[in-house]
Protein backbone atom coordinates (compact mmCIF):
# COMPACT_ATOMS: atom_id res chain seq x y z
CA MET A 1 13.40 0.66 -29.17
CA ILE A 2 10.88 3.19 -29.01
CA ALA A 3 11.93 5.93 -26.67
CA ARG A 4 9.70 6.89 -23.78
CA GLY A 5 9.77 8.89 -20.82
CA LYS A 6 10.76 7.71 -17.40
CA ILE A 7 9.12 5.28 -15.57
CA GLN A 8 7.69 4.71 -11.81
CA ILE A 9 6.19 1.23 -10.99
CA PHE A 10 3.49 1.71 -8.12
CA SER A 11 1.93 -1.34 -6.42
CA CYS A 12 -0.91 -1.69 -4.15
CA ARG A 13 -0.84 -3.23 -0.84
CA GLY A 14 -2.09 -6.77 -2.75
CA ALA A 15 0.84 -6.94 -5.17
CA ARG A 16 3.98 -5.74 -3.31
CA GLU A 17 6.26 -8.95 -3.49
CA TYR A 18 4.94 -9.34 -7.22
CA ALA A 19 6.24 -5.30 -8.04
CA ASN A 20 9.35 -5.93 -6.36
CA ARG A 21 10.36 -8.95 -8.00
CA VAL A 22 9.49 -7.17 -11.42
CA ILE A 23 11.88 -4.37 -10.60
CA LYS A 24 14.41 -6.58 -9.65
CA GLU A 25 14.09 -8.60 -13.26
CA LEU A 26 14.06 -4.98 -15.28
CA LYS A 27 17.32 -3.71 -13.33
CA ASN A 28 18.87 -7.22 -14.53
CA LEU A 29 17.22 -6.94 -17.97
CA ASN A 30 19.96 -5.32 -19.86
CA GLU A 31 21.89 -2.24 -20.01
CA ASP A 32 19.23 0.22 -20.74
CA THR A 33 17.10 -0.67 -17.68
CA ARG A 34 20.65 -0.61 -15.52
CA LYS A 35 20.40 2.68 -15.28
CA TYR A 36 16.82 2.81 -13.60
CA THR A 37 17.66 3.30 -9.65
CA ASP A 38 14.43 4.32 -8.50
CA LEU A 39 12.15 2.38 -10.24
CA LYS A 40 9.81 2.37 -7.40
CA GLY A 41 7.29 4.44 -6.88
CA LYS A 42 6.08 5.42 -3.35
CA LEU A 43 2.22 5.01 -2.59
CA LYS A 44 0.66 4.91 0.53
CA VAL A 45 -2.61 3.59 2.01
CA ARG A 46 -4.32 5.42 5.05
CA LYS A 47 -7.37 3.16 6.83
CA PHE A 48 -9.82 5.55 8.59
CA ALA A 49 -11.88 4.18 11.30
CA ASP A 50 -15.25 4.17 8.98
CA GLY A 51 -13.27 1.84 6.08
CA GLU A 52 -12.91 4.54 4.11
CA MET A 53 -9.39 5.06 2.39
CA GLU A 54 -7.16 7.35 1.15
CA VAL A 55 -4.18 6.60 -1.18
CA ASP A 56 -1.24 9.14 -1.47
CA ILE A 57 1.22 10.09 -4.24
CA GLY A 58 4.61 10.42 -2.38
CA GLU A 59 6.03 11.83 -5.19
CA SER A 60 5.85 14.02 -8.15
CA ILE A 61 5.41 10.99 -11.26
CA ARG A 62 4.10 14.05 -13.56
CA LYS A 63 5.77 13.10 -17.18
CA LYS A 64 6.31 9.53 -16.11
CA ASP A 65 5.23 6.82 -17.79
CA VAL A 66 3.50 4.60 -14.43
CA TYR A 67 3.08 1.06 -13.98
CA LEU A 68 0.73 -0.07 -11.69
CA PHE A 69 0.51 -3.69 -9.83
CA GLN A 70 -2.69 -5.12 -7.72
CA ASN A 71 -3.92 -8.72 -7.59
CA CYS A 72 -7.77 -8.42 -7.00
CA SER A 73 -8.00 -12.11 -5.96
CA GLN A 74 -8.82 -13.33 -2.28
CA ARG A 75 -5.11 -14.72 -1.85
CA ASN A 76 -3.34 -12.18 -1.69
CA GLU A 77 -0.12 -11.19 0.19
CA GLN A 78 -2.02 -9.42 2.48
CA GLN A 79 -4.94 -11.14 3.05
CA LEU A 80 -7.42 -8.64 1.95
CA SER A 81 -10.79 -8.65 0.32
CA ILE A 82 -11.79 -8.92 -3.13
CA ASN A 83 -13.66 -5.86 -2.59
CA GLU A 84 -11.09 -3.85 -0.88
CA ASN A 85 -8.35 -4.47 -3.36
CA LYS A 86 -10.92 -2.92 -6.01
CA VAL A 87 -11.68 -0.09 -3.92
CA GLU A 88 -7.76 0.37 -3.36
CA LEU A 89 -7.27 -0.11 -6.79
CA TYR A 90 -9.52 2.55 -8.44
CA HIS A 91 -7.82 4.68 -5.74
CA ALA A 92 -4.94 4.58 -6.72
CA ILE A 93 -5.43 4.85 -10.11
CA ASP A 94 -7.35 8.31 -9.17
CA ALA A 95 -4.43 9.71 -7.32
CA LEU A 96 -1.79 8.54 -10.24
CA LYS A 97 -4.08 10.35 -13.22
CA ARG A 98 -4.57 13.29 -10.78
CA ALA A 99 -0.75 13.61 -10.30
CA GLN A 100 -0.58 13.92 -14.30
CA ALA A 101 1.26 10.50 -15.49
CA ASN A 102 2.18 10.60 -19.16
CA SER A 103 0.94 7.31 -19.37
CA LEU A 104 -0.63 4.71 -16.72
CA THR A 105 -0.56 0.53 -17.40
CA VAL A 106 -2.04 -1.50 -14.74
CA PHE A 107 -0.90 -5.07 -14.10
CA GLU A 108 -3.98 -7.41 -12.89
CA PRO A 109 -2.26 -11.13 -12.73
CA TYR A 110 -5.89 -12.00 -11.34
CA SER A 111 -8.87 -10.35 -12.29
CA SER A 112 -11.95 -11.44 -9.95
CA PRO A 113 -14.42 -11.02 -12.19
CA ALA A 114 -12.66 -12.79 -15.29
CA ARG A 115 -15.26 -15.42 -15.80
CA SER A 116 -17.88 -13.07 -15.70
CA ASP A 117 -17.19 -11.89 -19.39
CA ARG A 118 -20.42 -12.10 -21.04
CA ALA A 119 -24.00 -12.02 -19.92
CA THR A 120 -26.25 -15.09 -20.30
CA ARG A 121 -29.31 -13.57 -18.50
CA ARG A 122 -30.56 -10.15 -17.90
CA CYS A 123 -27.29 -9.68 -15.45
CA SER A 124 -24.47 -7.86 -15.04
CA VAL A 125 -21.34 -8.58 -16.31
CA GLY A 126 -19.01 -7.93 -13.62
CA PHE A 127 -15.72 -8.28 -15.94
CA TRP A 128 -17.06 -5.16 -18.19
CA THR A 129 -18.24 -3.56 -15.51
CA HIS A 130 -14.45 -3.71 -13.61
CA ALA A 131 -13.03 -2.29 -16.62
CA LYS A 132 -15.11 0.40 -17.00
CA THR A 133 -14.64 1.44 -14.19
CA MET A 134 -10.82 1.63 -14.38
């Protein structure tokens, strides 16, 4: 097994329950993962009256391997719109990068532009645009 740094799992509002299930499974996986008691990271989303949002990381993640969960479908736990989920994901990625994580891996079980993966006319390619933005 490759030795890595400490891990921290964060989730945006659209995938909190999913991330909690992953954490539970990781803790039951084997002896190596049982020692992790504080896997769940503190990520807070603030919404402003004008619709803008801000994502705050409530702890130091410097030199940690960070995993971020978000569901960008319309059918998510909080009933947020696809666009709101995407913007929250982009803000969370930016905040985690600025907090100097060792590595950042994004888990997006459902990516809304996944069916738009190639150009058929003179139009944008949704999946490419989404991936490039991340």
